[in-house]
């Protein structure tokens, strides 16, 4: 079973949806948000995303990332 994480964000928070492929479609397992206000760079954002996922039992996943046009 292939698990993936979808990620979309703005200046204030990152929104994540964890899903799994089942019978040719994605079934959502969890949705969560990570605060990003005051983040001081890419490394800080990465730490905040890791903290939001920590302790939830997820290993490595494929990622889908949405980038806004702005």
C-alpha atoms as a PDB file:
ATOM      1  CA  UNK A   1       0.000   0.000   0.000  1.00  0.00           C
ATOM      2  CA  UNK A   2       1.559   3.289  -1.120  1.00  0.00           C
ATOM      3  CA  UNK A   3       1.100   6.222   1.275  1.00  0.00           C
ATOM      4  CA  UNK A   4       1.453   9.843   0.177  1.00  0.00           C
ATOM      5  CA  UNK A   5       1.300  13.305   1.663  1.00  0.00           C
ATOM      6  CA  UNK A   6      -0.266  16.304  -0.083  1.00  0.00           C
ATOM      7  CA  UNK A   7       1.098  19.685   0.999  1.00  0.00           C
ATOM      8  CA  UNK A   8      -0.256  23.186   0.406  1.00  0.00           C
ATOM      9  CA  UNK A   9       0.755  26.312   2.283  1.00  0.00           C
ATOM     10  CA  UNK A  10       0.705  30.067   2.664  1.00  0.00           C
ATOM     11  CA  UNK A  11       2.583  32.484   4.936  1.00  0.00           C
ATOM     12  CA  UNK A  12       0.685  31.465   8.067  1.00  0.00           C
ATOM     13  CA  UNK A  13       0.345  27.669   7.885  1.00  0.00           C
ATOM     14  CA  UNK A  14       1.001  24.488   5.955  1.00  0.00           C
ATOM     15  CA  UNK A  15      -1.887  22.106   5.389  1.00  0.00           C
ATOM     16  CA  UNK A  16      -1.140  18.403   4.989  1.00  0.00           C
ATOM     17  CA  UNK A  17      -3.336  15.485   3.973  1.00  0.00           C
ATOM     18  CA  UNK A  18      -2.079  11.926   4.407  1.00  0.00           C
ATOM     19  CA  UNK A  19      -3.619   9.349   2.118  1.00  0.00           C
ATOM     20  CA  UNK A  20      -3.174   5.815   0.883  1.00  0.00           C
ATOM     21  CA  UNK A  21      -3.814   4.215  -2.509  1.00  0.00           C
ATOM     22  CA  UNK A  22      -6.680   1.694  -2.315  1.00  0.00           C
ATOM     23  CA  UNK A  23      -8.373   0.124  -5.312  1.00  0.00           C
ATOM     24  CA  UNK A  24      -7.125   2.772  -7.717  1.00  0.00           C
ATOM     25  CA  UNK A  25      -8.042   5.825  -5.652  1.00  0.00           C
ATOM     26  CA  UNK A  26      -6.686   7.815  -2.725  1.00  0.00           C
ATOM     27  CA  UNK A  27      -8.338   7.387   0.662  1.00  0.00           C
ATOM     28  CA  UNK A  28      -7.615  10.193   3.158  1.00  0.00           C
ATOM     29  CA  UNK A  29      -6.278   8.926   6.491  1.00  0.00           C
ATOM     30  CA  UNK A  30      -5.479  12.210   8.270  1.00  0.00           C
ATOM     31  CA  UNK A  31      -5.489  15.959   7.709  1.00  0.00           C
ATOM     32  CA  UNK A  32      -3.490  18.410   9.791  1.00  0.00           C
ATOM     33  CA  UNK A  33      -1.979  21.885   9.796  1.00  0.00           C
ATOM     34  CA  UNK A  34       1.416  23.192  10.895  1.00  0.00           C
ATOM     35  CA  UNK A  35       1.846  26.855  11.886  1.00  0.00           C
ATOM     36  CA  UNK A  36       4.409  28.745   9.795  1.00  0.00           C
ATOM     37  CA  UNK A  37       4.089  32.298  11.131  1.00  0.00           C
ATOM     38  CA  UNK A  38       7.505  33.588  12.109  1.00  0.00           C
ATOM     39  CA  UNK A  39       9.386  30.842  10.247  1.00  0.00           C
ATOM     40  CA  UNK A  40      12.922  32.026   9.514  1.00  0.00           C
ATOM     41  CA  UNK A  41      13.728  30.020   6.394  1.00  0.00           C
ATOM     42  CA  UNK A  42      13.458  26.666   4.640  1.00  0.00           C
ATOM     43  CA  UNK A  43      15.166  24.731   7.453  1.00  0.00           C
ATOM     44  CA  UNK A  44      12.746  26.182  10.007  1.00  0.00           C
ATOM     45  CA  UNK A  45       9.762  25.310   7.807  1.00  0.00           C
ATOM     46  CA  UNK A  46      11.112  21.765   7.470  1.00  0.00           C
ATOM     47  CA  UNK A  47      11.430  21.429  11.239  1.00  0.00           C
ATOM     48  CA  UNK A  48       7.860  22.614  11.724  1.00  0.00           C
ATOM     49  CA  UNK A  49       6.528  20.147   9.154  1.00  0.00           C
ATOM     50  CA  UNK A  50       8.537  17.329  10.751  1.00  0.00           C
ATOM     51  CA  UNK A  51       7.176  18.282  14.182  1.00  0.00           C
ATOM     52  CA  UNK A  52       3.594  18.203  12.857  1.00  0.00           C
ATOM     53  CA  UNK A  53       4.136  14.678  11.494  1.00  0.00           C
ATOM     54  CA  UNK A  54       6.172  13.371  14.445  1.00  0.00           C
ATOM     55  CA  UNK A  55       4.582  10.691  16.556  1.00  0.00           C
ATOM     56  CA  UNK A  56       1.912   9.834  14.007  1.00  0.00           C
ATOM     57  CA  UNK A  57       3.607   6.629  12.848  1.00  0.00           C
ATOM     58  CA  UNK A  58       4.312   7.681   9.277  1.00  0.00           C
ATOM     59  CA  UNK A  59       7.522   6.665   7.580  1.00  0.00           C
ATOM     60  CA  UNK A  60       8.733   7.806   4.202  1.00  0.00           C
ATOM     61  CA  UNK A  61       6.003   8.913   1.790  1.00  0.00           C
ATOM     62  CA  UNK A  62       5.673  10.231  -1.730  1.00  0.00           C
ATOM     63  CA  UNK A  63       4.731  13.921  -1.744  1.00  0.00           C
ATOM     64  CA  UNK A  64       2.303  16.011  -3.791  1.00  0.00           C
ATOM     65  CA  UNK A  65       3.042  19.728  -3.460  1.00  0.00           C
ATOM     66  CA  UNK A  66       0.775  22.580  -4.580  1.00  0.00           C
ATOM     67  CA  UNK A  67       2.429  25.888  -5.462  1.00  0.00           C
ATOM     68  CA  UNK A  68       0.367  29.038  -5.795  1.00  0.00           C
ATOM     69  CA  UNK A  69       0.886  31.372  -8.722  1.00  0.00           C
ATOM     70  CA  UNK A  70       1.711  34.264  -6.405  1.00  0.00           C
END
